[in-house]
Structure formats: structure tokens, C-alpha cells
Amino acid sequence: MPQLELTPDRTALVAIDLQKGVTSIATEPRSPREVVAATVRIADALRAKGGLVVWVRVAFSGDGGDALKPILDAPSGFSGARPADWTDLVPELGVQARDLVVTKKQWGAFTGTELDLQLRRRGIDTILLTGIATCYGVESTARFAYELGYQQVFIEDALACRTAAGHAHCLNNVLARIGRIRSGAETLAALV
């Protein structure tokens, strides 16, 4: 396993779906609260070293007209009206004025957003991915980041999924093939 070295001013934390509606769902192998706390530690350290923090949330228009509507064999589990604050980022994140907030309309954070443009304009070539859910929003974002040529680090203890099995499968069979999986402690140590 290669040693992790990060250049903070060319690195961005991209945190997926740490919003009230998503963090209200039970996750494994850690709780949403644990994912948020681990992400905040990385965000604070990266900001202090001059890196970029990006908060990604999923939100739709009031009429839902901009939401995808595929025919599904296994519905997502989200149905009916969502609370008014469903899309709000959780306050524990401590979003700052210099952070970017990206709103997506699907699982991945690149399609239909300015994420790639904003990262490239800032000279970012490496992204640290955290969030919920490992095998949905994080994986979809990671696949596009890989195809766009970004180096990626998946912070394992700042990720969770609906099931521990889904989380492990995604880490071992997908994410390990398109980036590096490291702990929060290893990532913090690499921010020199």
C-alpha cells in the first residue's frame, strides 16, 4: 500500500449528502453522526492547510420536475413529501463562507453540476471523499471522478451505507480499484 501524501492546495474534501434528510436514515457500519464528526475533522484540518471543502447535497424543485424518474425493480425507499429542511446541510458541519456547496439532482455529484469546473479552476487534482451512502452517492461520484482523471482517497471511517455488507462490497470491489482507501487518521497525517 503506497504511503499517502497530499498537497493541501491541490486537494478538496468532497462530502456527499450530509444533509438532514439523508442523515436521518440508519446506516452501517457507523452512524450518520459518526460520519459527520469524522468529516468535520478532515474539513477543519484541510481548511487550515489551505485546501478546499465542498459540501454536496441532493435537492429537487418544488414540483419534483427535475428529479429522475426511471422505472425501477427496487425503489429507493424515499417516497411522499419530504420535510421542508430535508435538503439542509446538518449544522454540525460548520459550513464556512469559503466552502463550496454543490446541489445535485441524482446520485453522482458531477453530472449536471459545476463541480468539475470549480475543482479545475482551483487547480484541484485530488479529492477526499466522505459521506452517505458509500454504495450510492459516493460510488457514483467516485466513478465519474476516476473517469475525469482525479486522484481519490476514500476516508473509510467517514463513510457509511444502508448495510455494512453494501459498504464493504463497494470499498473492496469498486473504490479500491479507482482510488486509495485510508482512515481519517492516515489522511490527517498526510496533510503536510
N, C-alpha and C. Protein backbone atom coordinates (compact mmCIF):
# COMPACT_ATOMS: atom_id res chain seq x y z
N MET A 1 0.85 -1.17 0.00
CA MET A 1 0.00 0.00 0.00
C MET A 1 0.90 1.25 0.00
N PRO A 2 0.79 2.08 -1.04
CA PRO A 2 1.64 3.27 -1.11
C PRO A 2 1.32 4.26 0.01
N GLN A 3 2.37 4.93 0.50
CA GLN A 3 2.18 5.94 1.54
C GLN A 3 1.37 7.10 0.97
N LEU A 4 0.48 7.61 1.77
CA LEU A 4 -0.38 8.71 1.33
C LEU A 4 0.33 10.04 1.56
N GLU A 5 0.45 10.82 0.49
CA GLU A 5 0.99 12.17 0.58
C GLU A 5 0.01 13.09 -0.13
N LEU A 6 -0.37 14.17 0.54
CA LEU A 6 -1.34 15.10 -0.02
C LEU A 6 -0.77 16.51 -0.07
N THR A 7 -1.03 17.21 -1.15
CA THR A 7 -0.68 18.62 -1.28
C THR A 7 -1.97 19.40 -1.03
N PRO A 8 -2.11 20.02 0.15
CA PRO A 8 -3.39 20.60 0.53
C PRO A 8 -3.98 21.58 -0.48
N ASP A 9 -3.17 22.44 -1.10
CA ASP A 9 -3.76 23.43 -2.00
C ASP A 9 -4.18 22.84 -3.34
N ARG A 10 -3.92 21.54 -3.53
CA ARG A 10 -4.40 20.84 -4.73
C ARG A 10 -5.39 19.73 -4.36
N THR A 11 -5.89 19.80 -3.11
CA THR A 11 -6.77 18.77 -2.58
C THR A 11 -8.09 19.37 -2.14
N ALA A 12 -9.18 18.66 -2.42
CA ALA A 12 -10.51 19.06 -1.96
C ALA A 12 -11.17 17.92 -1.24
N LEU A 13 -11.81 18.23 -0.14
CA LEU A 13 -12.73 17.30 0.50
C LEU A 13 -14.06 17.45 -0.23
N VAL A 14 -14.62 16.34 -0.69
CA VAL A 14 -15.94 16.34 -1.30
C VAL A 14 -16.81 15.44 -0.43
N ALA A 15 -17.69 16.06 0.34
CA ALA A 15 -18.54 15.35 1.30
C ALA A 15 -19.94 15.21 0.70
N ILE A 16 -20.40 13.98 0.62
CA ILE A 16 -21.64 13.66 -0.08
C ILE A 16 -22.83 13.51 0.86
N ASP A 17 -23.86 14.32 0.61
CA ASP A 17 -25.21 14.16 1.18
C ASP A 17 -25.30 14.18 2.70
N LEU A 18 -24.50 15.01 3.34
CA LEU A 18 -24.58 15.13 4.80
C LEU A 18 -25.61 16.21 5.14
N GLN A 19 -26.83 15.90 4.75
CA GLN A 19 -27.97 16.80 4.91
C GLN A 19 -28.99 16.15 5.83
N LYS A 20 -29.90 16.95 6.33
CA LYS A 20 -30.84 16.47 7.34
C LYS A 20 -31.62 15.24 6.88
N GLY A 21 -32.11 15.24 5.66
CA GLY A 21 -32.92 14.12 5.19
C GLY A 21 -32.15 12.82 5.08
N VAL A 22 -30.92 12.89 4.63
CA VAL A 22 -30.11 11.68 4.44
C VAL A 22 -29.54 11.20 5.76
N THR A 23 -29.10 12.12 6.61
CA THR A 23 -28.51 11.70 7.90
C THR A 23 -29.56 11.21 8.89
N SER A 24 -30.83 11.29 8.52
CA SER A 24 -31.88 10.76 9.39
C SER A 24 -32.11 9.27 9.17
N ILE A 25 -31.43 8.70 8.18
CA ILE A 25 -31.59 7.28 7.83
C ILE A 25 -30.54 6.46 8.58
N ALA A 26 -30.90 5.30 9.09
CA ALA A 26 -29.95 4.42 9.77
C ALA A 26 -28.90 3.92 8.79
N THR A 27 -27.64 3.93 9.21
CA THR A 27 -26.54 3.48 8.36
C THR A 27 -25.62 2.53 9.12
N GLU A 28 -24.82 1.80 8.34
CA GLU A 28 -23.82 0.88 8.88
C GLU A 28 -22.54 1.05 8.07
N PRO A 29 -21.39 0.71 8.50
CA PRO A 29 -21.04 0.17 9.81
C PRO A 29 -20.90 1.25 10.89
N ARG A 30 -21.23 2.49 10.54
CA ARG A 30 -21.22 3.57 11.55
C ARG A 30 -22.44 4.44 11.33
N SER A 31 -22.77 5.21 12.33
CA SER A 31 -23.95 6.06 12.29
C SER A 31 -23.67 7.33 11.48
N PRO A 32 -24.73 7.99 11.02
CA PRO A 32 -24.54 9.28 10.36
C PRO A 32 -23.79 10.28 11.25
N ARG A 33 -24.07 10.27 12.53
CA ARG A 33 -23.38 11.18 13.46
C ARG A 33 -21.87 10.94 13.44
N GLU A 34 -21.45 9.67 13.39
CA GLU A 34 -20.02 9.36 13.33
C GLU A 34 -19.41 9.82 12.00
N VAL A 35 -20.15 9.65 10.92
CA VAL A 35 -19.67 10.09 9.61
C VAL A 35 -19.49 11.60 9.60
N VAL A 36 -20.47 12.32 10.14
CA VAL A 36 -20.39 13.78 10.19
C VAL A 36 -19.18 14.21 11.02
N ALA A 37 -19.00 13.63 12.20
CA ALA A 37 -17.89 14.01 13.07
C ALA A 37 -16.54 13.76 12.39
N ALA A 38 -16.38 12.61 11.74
CA ALA A 38 -15.12 12.30 11.06
C ALA A 38 -14.89 13.26 9.89
N THR A 39 -15.95 13.60 9.17
CA THR A 39 -15.83 14.53 8.05
C THR A 39 -15.44 15.92 8.53
N VAL A 40 -16.01 16.36 9.63
CA VAL A 40 -15.68 17.69 10.17
C VAL A 40 -14.20 17.76 10.55
N ARG A 41 -13.65 16.70 11.12
CA ARG A 41 -12.22 16.70 11.47
C ARG A 41 -11.36 16.90 10.22
N ILE A 42 -11.72 16.21 9.14
CA ILE A 42 -10.97 16.35 7.88
C ILE A 42 -11.16 17.75 7.31
N ALA A 43 -12.39 18.24 7.30
CA ALA A 43 -12.67 19.57 6.76
C ALA A 43 -11.88 20.65 7.49
N ASP A 44 -11.90 20.61 8.80
CA ASP A 44 -11.18 21.62 9.59
C ASP A 44 -9.69 21.58 9.31
N ALA A 45 -9.12 20.38 9.26
CA ALA A 45 -7.68 20.25 9.02
C ALA A 45 -7.31 20.70 7.61
N LEU A 46 -8.12 20.32 6.63
CA LEU A 46 -7.82 20.69 5.25
C LEU A 46 -7.92 22.20 5.05
N ARG A 47 -8.96 22.83 5.60
CA ARG A 47 -9.10 24.28 5.51
C ARG A 47 -7.88 24.97 6.12
N ALA A 48 -7.44 24.49 7.29
CA ALA A 48 -6.30 25.11 7.98
C ALA A 48 -5.02 25.05 7.15
N LYS A 49 -4.94 24.07 6.26
CA LYS A 49 -3.75 23.91 5.41
C LYS A 49 -3.94 24.55 4.03
N GLY A 50 -5.08 25.20 3.79
CA GLY A 50 -5.30 25.87 2.52
C GLY A 50 -6.04 25.07 1.47
N GLY A 51 -6.62 23.93 1.87
CA GLY A 51 -7.37 23.10 0.93
C GLY A 51 -8.81 23.55 0.81
N LEU A 52 -9.52 22.95 -0.11
CA LEU A 52 -10.90 23.30 -0.41
C LEU A 52 -11.86 22.28 0.21
N VAL A 53 -12.99 22.78 0.70
CA VAL A 53 -14.04 21.92 1.23
C VAL A 53 -15.29 22.12 0.38
N VAL A 54 -15.84 21.00 -0.09
CA VAL A 54 -17.05 21.01 -0.93
C VAL A 54 -18.11 20.16 -0.26
N TRP A 55 -19.27 20.77 -0.02
CA TRP A 55 -20.41 20.07 0.54
C TRP A 55 -21.39 19.81 -0.59
N VAL A 56 -21.73 18.55 -0.81
CA VAL A 56 -22.66 18.18 -1.88
C VAL A 56 -23.96 17.74 -1.24
N ARG A 57 -25.05 18.27 -1.76
CA ARG A 57 -26.37 17.87 -1.27
C ARG A 57 -27.23 17.54 -2.47
N VAL A 58 -28.27 16.77 -2.24
CA VAL A 58 -29.23 16.45 -3.29
C VAL A 58 -30.52 17.20 -2.98
N ALA A 59 -31.05 17.87 -4.00
CA ALA A 59 -32.29 18.64 -3.82
C ALA A 59 -33.01 18.73 -5.16
N PHE A 60 -34.30 18.89 -5.09
CA PHE A 60 -35.13 18.96 -6.29
C PHE A 60 -36.04 20.17 -6.22
N SER A 61 -36.56 20.58 -7.35
CA SER A 61 -37.51 21.69 -7.39
C SER A 61 -38.78 21.31 -6.64
N GLY A 62 -39.56 22.31 -6.29
CA GLY A 62 -40.78 22.07 -5.52
C GLY A 62 -41.75 21.11 -6.17
N ASP A 63 -41.80 21.11 -7.50
CA ASP A 63 -42.72 20.21 -8.19
C ASP A 63 -42.09 18.86 -8.53
N GLY A 64 -40.81 18.69 -8.20
CA GLY A 64 -40.12 17.43 -8.48
C GLY A 64 -39.86 17.18 -9.95
N GLY A 65 -40.10 18.19 -10.78
CA GLY A 65 -39.94 18.01 -12.22
C GLY A 65 -38.51 17.76 -12.67
N ASP A 66 -37.53 18.11 -11.84
CA ASP A 66 -36.13 17.90 -12.21
C ASP A 66 -35.55 16.61 -11.63
N ALA A 67 -36.36 15.80 -10.98
CA ALA A 67 -35.91 14.51 -10.43
C ALA A 67 -35.96 13.43 -11.51
N LEU A 68 -35.01 12.51 -11.43
CA LEU A 68 -35.03 11.37 -12.34
C LEU A 68 -36.26 10.51 -12.05
N LYS A 69 -36.79 9.88 -13.11
CA LYS A 69 -38.00 9.06 -12.94
C LYS A 69 -37.87 7.74 -13.70
N PRO A 70 -36.83 6.96 -13.39
CA PRO A 70 -36.69 5.69 -14.08
C PRO A 70 -37.70 4.66 -13.58
N ILE A 71 -37.94 3.66 -14.40
CA ILE A 71 -38.76 2.52 -13.98
C ILE A 71 -37.82 1.60 -13.21
N LEU A 72 -38.18 1.24 -11.98
CA LEU A 72 -37.28 0.53 -11.07
C LEU A 72 -37.83 -0.82 -10.64
N ASP A 73 -36.95 -1.78 -10.47
CA ASP A 73 -37.31 -3.04 -9.83
C ASP A 73 -37.23 -2.92 -8.31
N ALA A 74 -36.33 -2.05 -7.82
CA ALA A 74 -36.14 -1.87 -6.38
C ALA A 74 -36.19 -0.38 -6.05
N PRO A 75 -37.36 0.12 -5.67
CA PRO A 75 -37.47 1.55 -5.34
C PRO A 75 -36.50 1.97 -4.25
N SER A 76 -36.13 3.24 -4.26
CA SER A 76 -35.09 3.75 -3.36
C SER A 76 -35.51 3.82 -1.91
N GLY A 77 -36.78 3.83 -1.62
CA GLY A 77 -37.21 3.94 -0.24
C GLY A 77 -37.67 5.35 0.11
N PHE A 78 -37.30 6.35 -0.70
CA PHE A 78 -37.78 7.71 -0.48
C PHE A 78 -39.09 7.88 -1.23
N SER A 79 -40.14 8.18 -0.51
CA SER A 79 -41.41 8.40 -1.18
C SER A 79 -42.21 9.43 -0.39
N GLY A 80 -43.15 10.04 -1.04
CA GLY A 80 -44.00 11.02 -0.39
C GLY A 80 -43.31 12.36 -0.22
N ALA A 81 -43.98 13.24 0.49
CA ALA A 81 -43.46 14.58 0.74
C ALA A 81 -42.31 14.53 1.74
N ARG A 82 -41.30 15.32 1.46
CA ARG A 82 -40.16 15.40 2.37
C ARG A 82 -40.32 16.64 3.24
N PRO A 83 -39.78 16.61 4.46
CA PRO A 83 -39.86 17.81 5.32
C PRO A 83 -39.16 18.99 4.64
N ALA A 84 -39.55 20.19 5.00
CA ALA A 84 -39.01 21.40 4.38
C ALA A 84 -37.49 21.49 4.54
N ASP A 85 -36.94 20.97 5.62
CA ASP A 85 -35.50 21.08 5.85
C ASP A 85 -34.72 19.84 5.38
N TRP A 86 -35.33 18.96 4.62
CA TRP A 86 -34.72 17.71 4.16
C TRP A 86 -33.39 17.95 3.46
N THR A 87 -33.27 19.02 2.70
CA THR A 87 -32.07 19.29 1.92
C THR A 87 -31.02 20.11 2.67
N ASP A 88 -31.34 20.61 3.85
CA ASP A 88 -30.40 21.45 4.60
C ASP A 88 -29.21 20.64 5.07
N LEU A 89 -28.02 21.17 4.86
CA LEU A 89 -26.81 20.54 5.41
C LEU A 89 -26.91 20.58 6.93
N VAL A 90 -26.45 19.51 7.59
CA VAL A 90 -26.55 19.48 9.05
C VAL A 90 -25.66 20.57 9.65
N PRO A 91 -26.14 21.26 10.67
CA PRO A 91 -25.40 22.39 11.23
C PRO A 91 -24.04 22.00 11.82
N GLU A 92 -23.90 20.75 12.25
CA GLU A 92 -22.62 20.30 12.83
C GLU A 92 -21.46 20.40 11.85
N LEU A 93 -21.75 20.49 10.56
CA LEU A 93 -20.68 20.60 9.56
C LEU A 93 -19.92 21.91 9.67
N GLY A 94 -20.57 22.94 10.15
CA GLY A 94 -19.90 24.23 10.28
C GLY A 94 -19.49 24.81 8.93
N VAL A 95 -20.40 24.78 7.96
CA VAL A 95 -20.11 25.28 6.62
C VAL A 95 -19.62 26.73 6.72
N GLN A 96 -18.51 27.01 6.03
CA GLN A 96 -17.93 28.35 6.05
C GLN A 96 -18.11 29.04 4.71
N ALA A 97 -17.99 30.36 4.72
CA ALA A 97 -18.23 31.16 3.51
C ALA A 97 -17.34 30.74 2.35
N ARG A 98 -16.11 30.33 2.61
CA ARG A 98 -15.21 29.97 1.50
C ARG A 98 -15.42 28.53 1.00
N ASP A 99 -16.25 27.76 1.69
CA ASP A 99 -16.57 26.41 1.23
C ASP A 99 -17.50 26.51 0.01
N LEU A 100 -17.48 25.48 -0.82
CA LEU A 100 -18.42 25.39 -1.92
C LEU A 100 -19.57 24.49 -1.53
N VAL A 101 -20.77 24.83 -1.96
CA VAL A 101 -21.93 23.98 -1.79
C VAL A 101 -22.44 23.66 -3.19
N VAL A 102 -22.50 22.38 -3.50
CA VAL A 102 -22.94 21.91 -4.82
C VAL A 102 -24.26 21.17 -4.63
N THR A 103 -25.23 21.50 -5.46
CA THR A 103 -26.52 20.81 -5.41
C THR A 103 -26.64 19.92 -6.63
N LYS A 104 -26.91 18.65 -6.38
CA LYS A 104 -27.05 17.67 -7.46
C LYS A 104 -28.50 17.20 -7.54
N LYS A 105 -28.81 16.53 -8.64
CA LYS A 105 -30.18 16.06 -8.88
C LYS A 105 -30.22 14.54 -9.05
N GLN A 106 -29.14 13.88 -8.76
CA GLN A 106 -29.01 12.43 -8.95
C GLN A 106 -27.96 11.93 -7.96
N TRP A 107 -27.58 10.66 -8.07
CA TRP A 107 -26.62 10.10 -7.13
C TRP A 107 -25.27 10.80 -7.18
N GLY A 108 -24.72 10.94 -8.37
CA GLY A 108 -23.36 11.48 -8.50
C GLY A 108 -23.31 12.99 -8.47
N ALA A 109 -22.17 13.53 -8.05
CA ALA A 109 -22.01 14.97 -7.86
C ALA A 109 -21.46 15.69 -9.08
N PHE A 110 -21.10 14.98 -10.15
CA PHE A 110 -20.52 15.65 -11.32
C PHE A 110 -21.54 15.97 -12.41
N THR A 111 -22.40 15.03 -12.75
CA THR A 111 -23.34 15.24 -13.85
C THR A 111 -24.30 16.39 -13.53
N GLY A 112 -24.35 17.37 -14.43
CA GLY A 112 -25.30 18.46 -14.29
C GLY A 112 -24.95 19.50 -13.23
N THR A 113 -23.71 19.48 -12.70
CA THR A 113 -23.30 20.46 -11.70
C THR A 113 -22.01 21.14 -12.18
N GLU A 114 -21.56 22.12 -11.43
CA GLU A 114 -20.31 22.82 -11.73
C GLU A 114 -19.12 22.24 -10.97
N LEU A 115 -19.26 21.07 -10.37
CA LEU A 115 -18.20 20.54 -9.53
C LEU A 115 -16.88 20.42 -10.28
N ASP A 116 -16.85 19.78 -11.43
CA ASP A 116 -15.60 19.61 -12.18
C ASP A 116 -15.00 20.96 -12.55
N LEU A 117 -15.80 21.88 -13.04
CA LEU A 117 -15.33 23.21 -13.41
C LEU A 117 -14.71 23.92 -12.21
N GLN A 118 -15.38 23.90 -11.08
CA GLN A 118 -14.87 24.59 -9.89
C GLN A 118 -13.58 23.96 -9.37
N LEU A 119 -13.48 22.64 -9.40
CA LEU A 119 -12.25 21.98 -8.96
C LEU A 119 -11.09 22.33 -9.89
N ARG A 120 -11.32 22.24 -11.18
CA ARG A 120 -10.24 22.53 -12.15
C ARG A 120 -9.78 23.98 -12.08
N ARG A 121 -10.70 24.92 -11.93
CA ARG A 121 -10.32 26.34 -11.83
C ARG A 121 -9.48 26.61 -10.60
N ARG A 122 -9.62 25.78 -9.59
CA ARG A 122 -8.84 25.96 -8.36
C ARG A 122 -7.58 25.08 -8.34
N GLY A 123 -7.32 24.39 -9.44
CA GLY A 123 -6.11 23.57 -9.52
C GLY A 123 -6.15 22.29 -8.70
N ILE A 124 -7.35 21.81 -8.41
CA ILE A 124 -7.52 20.60 -7.60
C ILE A 124 -7.31 19.37 -8.48
N ASP A 125 -6.44 18.46 -8.02
CA ASP A 125 -6.25 17.20 -8.74
C ASP A 125 -6.53 15.97 -7.88
N THR A 126 -6.77 16.20 -6.59
CA THR A 126 -7.01 15.10 -5.66
C THR A 126 -8.25 15.41 -4.84
N ILE A 127 -9.14 14.42 -4.71
CA ILE A 127 -10.31 14.61 -3.87
C ILE A 127 -10.35 13.55 -2.77
N LEU A 128 -10.77 14.00 -1.60
CA LEU A 128 -11.02 13.14 -0.45
C LEU A 128 -12.52 12.98 -0.38
N LEU A 129 -13.00 11.76 -0.43
CA LEU A 129 -14.45 11.53 -0.44
C LEU A 129 -14.93 10.97 0.89
N THR A 130 -16.00 11.59 1.39
CA THR A 130 -16.69 11.12 2.59
C THR A 130 -18.18 11.20 2.33
N GLY A 131 -18.97 10.62 3.21
CA GLY A 131 -20.41 10.83 3.11
C GLY A 131 -21.26 9.58 3.18
N ILE A 132 -22.52 9.80 2.82
CA ILE A 132 -23.55 8.78 2.84
C ILE A 132 -24.27 8.82 1.50
N ALA A 133 -24.37 7.79 0.81
CA ALA A 133 -24.09 6.41 1.14
C ALA A 133 -22.94 5.92 0.26
N THR A 134 -22.09 5.10 0.87
CA THR A 134 -20.91 4.58 0.20
C THR A 134 -21.25 4.01 -1.17
N CYS A 135 -22.28 3.18 -1.23
CA CYS A 135 -22.58 2.47 -2.49
C CYS A 135 -23.59 3.18 -3.38
N TYR A 136 -23.90 4.44 -3.09
CA TYR A 136 -24.79 5.20 -3.96
C TYR A 136 -24.10 6.52 -4.35
N GLY A 137 -24.31 7.56 -3.59
CA GLY A 137 -23.77 8.87 -3.94
C GLY A 137 -22.26 8.92 -3.99
N VAL A 138 -21.60 8.27 -3.03
CA VAL A 138 -20.13 8.29 -3.00
C VAL A 138 -19.58 7.51 -4.19
N GLU A 139 -20.07 6.29 -4.39
CA GLU A 139 -19.56 5.47 -5.50
C GLU A 139 -19.83 6.13 -6.85
N SER A 140 -21.01 6.68 -7.05
CA SER A 140 -21.33 7.31 -8.32
C SER A 140 -20.42 8.51 -8.58
N THR A 141 -20.20 9.32 -7.57
CA THR A 141 -19.29 10.46 -7.69
C THR A 141 -17.88 9.97 -7.98
N ALA A 142 -17.45 8.92 -7.30
CA ALA A 142 -16.10 8.39 -7.48
C ALA A 142 -15.86 7.84 -8.88
N ARG A 143 -16.84 7.18 -9.42
CA ARG A 143 -16.67 6.63 -10.78
C ARG A 143 -16.45 7.75 -11.79
N PHE A 144 -17.21 8.83 -11.67
CA PHE A 144 -17.02 9.96 -12.59
C PHE A 144 -15.70 10.65 -12.33
N ALA A 145 -15.31 10.81 -11.07
CA ALA A 145 -14.03 11.44 -10.75
C ALA A 145 -12.88 10.64 -11.35
N TYR A 146 -12.97 9.34 -11.29
CA TYR A 146 -11.96 8.46 -11.88
C TYR A 146 -11.87 8.70 -13.38
N GLU A 147 -13.02 8.73 -14.05
CA GLU A 147 -13.02 8.94 -15.50
C GLU A 147 -12.56 10.34 -15.88
N LEU A 148 -12.69 11.30 -14.98
CA LEU A 148 -12.23 12.66 -15.24
C LEU A 148 -10.76 12.86 -14.87
N GLY A 149 -10.13 11.83 -14.30
CA GLY A 149 -8.70 11.87 -14.03
C GLY A 149 -8.29 12.37 -12.66
N TYR A 150 -9.21 12.46 -11.73
CA TYR A 150 -8.85 12.89 -10.37
C TYR A 150 -8.23 11.73 -9.59
N GLN A 151 -7.24 12.06 -8.75
CA GLN A 151 -6.75 11.13 -7.75
C GLN A 151 -7.77 11.13 -6.62
N GLN A 152 -8.02 9.97 -6.02
CA GLN A 152 -9.05 9.89 -4.99
C GLN A 152 -8.58 9.15 -3.76
N VAL A 153 -9.04 9.66 -2.61
CA VAL A 153 -8.83 8.98 -1.33
C VAL A 153 -10.19 8.85 -0.68
N PHE A 154 -10.56 7.64 -0.34
CA PHE A 154 -11.83 7.35 0.31
C PHE A 154 -11.56 7.18 1.79
N ILE A 155 -12.13 8.05 2.60
CA ILE A 155 -11.86 8.02 4.05
C ILE A 155 -12.85 7.07 4.69
N GLU A 156 -12.39 5.85 4.91
CA GLU A 156 -13.25 4.73 5.28
C GLU A 156 -14.08 4.99 6.52
N ASP A 157 -13.50 5.64 7.53
CA ASP A 157 -14.26 5.87 8.76
C ASP A 157 -15.12 7.13 8.70
N ALA A 158 -15.24 7.71 7.50
CA ALA A 158 -16.14 8.84 7.27
C ALA A 158 -17.12 8.49 6.14
N LEU A 159 -17.40 7.19 6.02
CA LEU A 159 -18.34 6.67 5.02
C LEU A 159 -19.29 5.69 5.69
N ALA A 160 -20.51 5.64 5.19
CA ALA A 160 -21.47 4.65 5.68
C ALA A 160 -22.50 4.39 4.59
N CYS A 161 -23.19 3.26 4.75
CA CYS A 161 -24.18 2.84 3.76
C CYS A 161 -25.40 2.30 4.51
N ARG A 162 -26.39 1.90 3.78
CA ARG A 162 -27.58 1.32 4.44
C ARG A 162 -27.26 0.01 5.13
N THR A 163 -26.30 -0.75 4.57
CA THR A 163 -25.90 -2.01 5.20
C THR A 163 -24.37 -2.08 5.24
N ALA A 164 -23.86 -2.78 6.24
CA ALA A 164 -22.40 -2.99 6.34
C ALA A 164 -21.91 -3.81 5.15
N ALA A 165 -22.71 -4.75 4.68
CA ALA A 165 -22.31 -5.57 3.53
C ALA A 165 -22.19 -4.73 2.27
N GLY A 166 -23.14 -3.83 2.04
CA GLY A 166 -23.07 -2.94 0.89
C GLY A 166 -21.86 -2.03 0.95
N HIS A 167 -21.57 -1.51 2.13
CA HIS A 167 -20.40 -0.65 2.36
C HIS A 167 -19.11 -1.41 2.03
N ALA A 168 -18.97 -2.60 2.59
CA ALA A 168 -17.76 -3.41 2.37
C ALA A 168 -17.61 -3.81 0.91
N HIS A 169 -18.71 -4.21 0.28
CA HIS A 169 -18.65 -4.60 -1.13
C HIS A 169 -18.15 -3.43 -1.99
N CYS A 170 -18.71 -2.27 -1.76
CA CYS A 170 -18.32 -1.09 -2.54
C CYS A 170 -16.85 -0.76 -2.32
N LEU A 171 -16.41 -0.74 -1.07
CA LEU A 171 -15.00 -0.42 -0.79
C LEU A 171 -14.06 -1.41 -1.46
N ASN A 172 -14.32 -2.69 -1.28
CA ASN A 172 -13.39 -3.73 -1.73
C ASN A 172 -13.44 -4.01 -3.22
N ASN A 173 -14.62 -3.86 -3.83
CA ASN A 173 -14.77 -4.26 -5.23
C ASN A 173 -14.84 -3.12 -6.22
N VAL A 174 -15.06 -1.90 -5.74
CA VAL A 174 -15.13 -0.76 -6.66
C VAL A 174 -14.11 0.30 -6.27
N LEU A 175 -14.26 0.87 -5.09
CA LEU A 175 -13.44 2.02 -4.72
C LEU A 175 -11.95 1.71 -4.65
N ALA A 176 -11.59 0.54 -4.18
CA ALA A 176 -10.17 0.17 -4.11
C ALA A 176 -9.54 0.07 -5.50
N ARG A 177 -10.35 -0.07 -6.54
CA ARG A 177 -9.86 -0.17 -7.92
C ARG A 177 -9.75 1.19 -8.62
N ILE A 178 -10.28 2.24 -7.97
CA ILE A 178 -10.22 3.56 -8.60
C ILE A 178 -9.61 4.64 -7.70
N GLY A 179 -9.13 4.22 -6.54
CA GLY A 179 -8.51 5.17 -5.63
C GLY A 179 -7.90 4.45 -4.45
N ARG A 180 -7.60 5.21 -3.41
CA ARG A 180 -6.98 4.66 -2.20
C ARG A 180 -7.95 4.77 -1.04
N ILE A 181 -8.01 3.74 -0.24
CA ILE A 181 -8.87 3.73 0.94
C ILE A 181 -7.97 3.92 2.16
N ARG A 182 -8.26 4.95 2.92
CA ARG A 182 -7.45 5.28 4.09
C ARG A 182 -8.37 5.68 5.24
N SER A 183 -7.83 5.64 6.44
CA SER A 183 -8.57 6.10 7.62
C SER A 183 -8.46 7.61 7.73
N GLY A 184 -9.30 8.17 8.57
CA GLY A 184 -9.20 9.60 8.84
C GLY A 184 -7.85 9.97 9.43
N ALA A 185 -7.33 9.15 10.33
CA ALA A 185 -6.04 9.42 10.95
C ALA A 185 -4.92 9.42 9.91
N GLU A 186 -4.93 8.45 9.00
CA GLU A 186 -3.92 8.42 7.94
C GLU A 186 -4.02 9.64 7.04
N THR A 187 -5.24 10.05 6.76
CA THR A 187 -5.46 11.22 5.90
C THR A 187 -4.98 12.49 6.58
N LEU A 188 -5.30 12.66 7.85
CA LEU A 188 -4.84 13.83 8.59
C LEU A 188 -3.32 13.88 8.64
N ALA A 189 -2.68 12.75 8.84
CA ALA A 189 -1.21 12.70 8.89
C ALA A 189 -0.57 13.06 7.57
N ALA A 190 -1.29 12.84 6.46
CA ALA A 190 -0.75 13.11 5.12
C ALA A 190 -0.90 14.57 4.70
N LEU A 191 -1.66 15.35 5.46
CA LEU A 191 -1.86 16.77 5.13
C LEU A 191 -0.69 17.58 5.68
N VAL A 192 0.41 17.56 4.96
CA VAL A 192 1.63 18.28 5.43
C VAL A 192 1.77 19.63 4.78
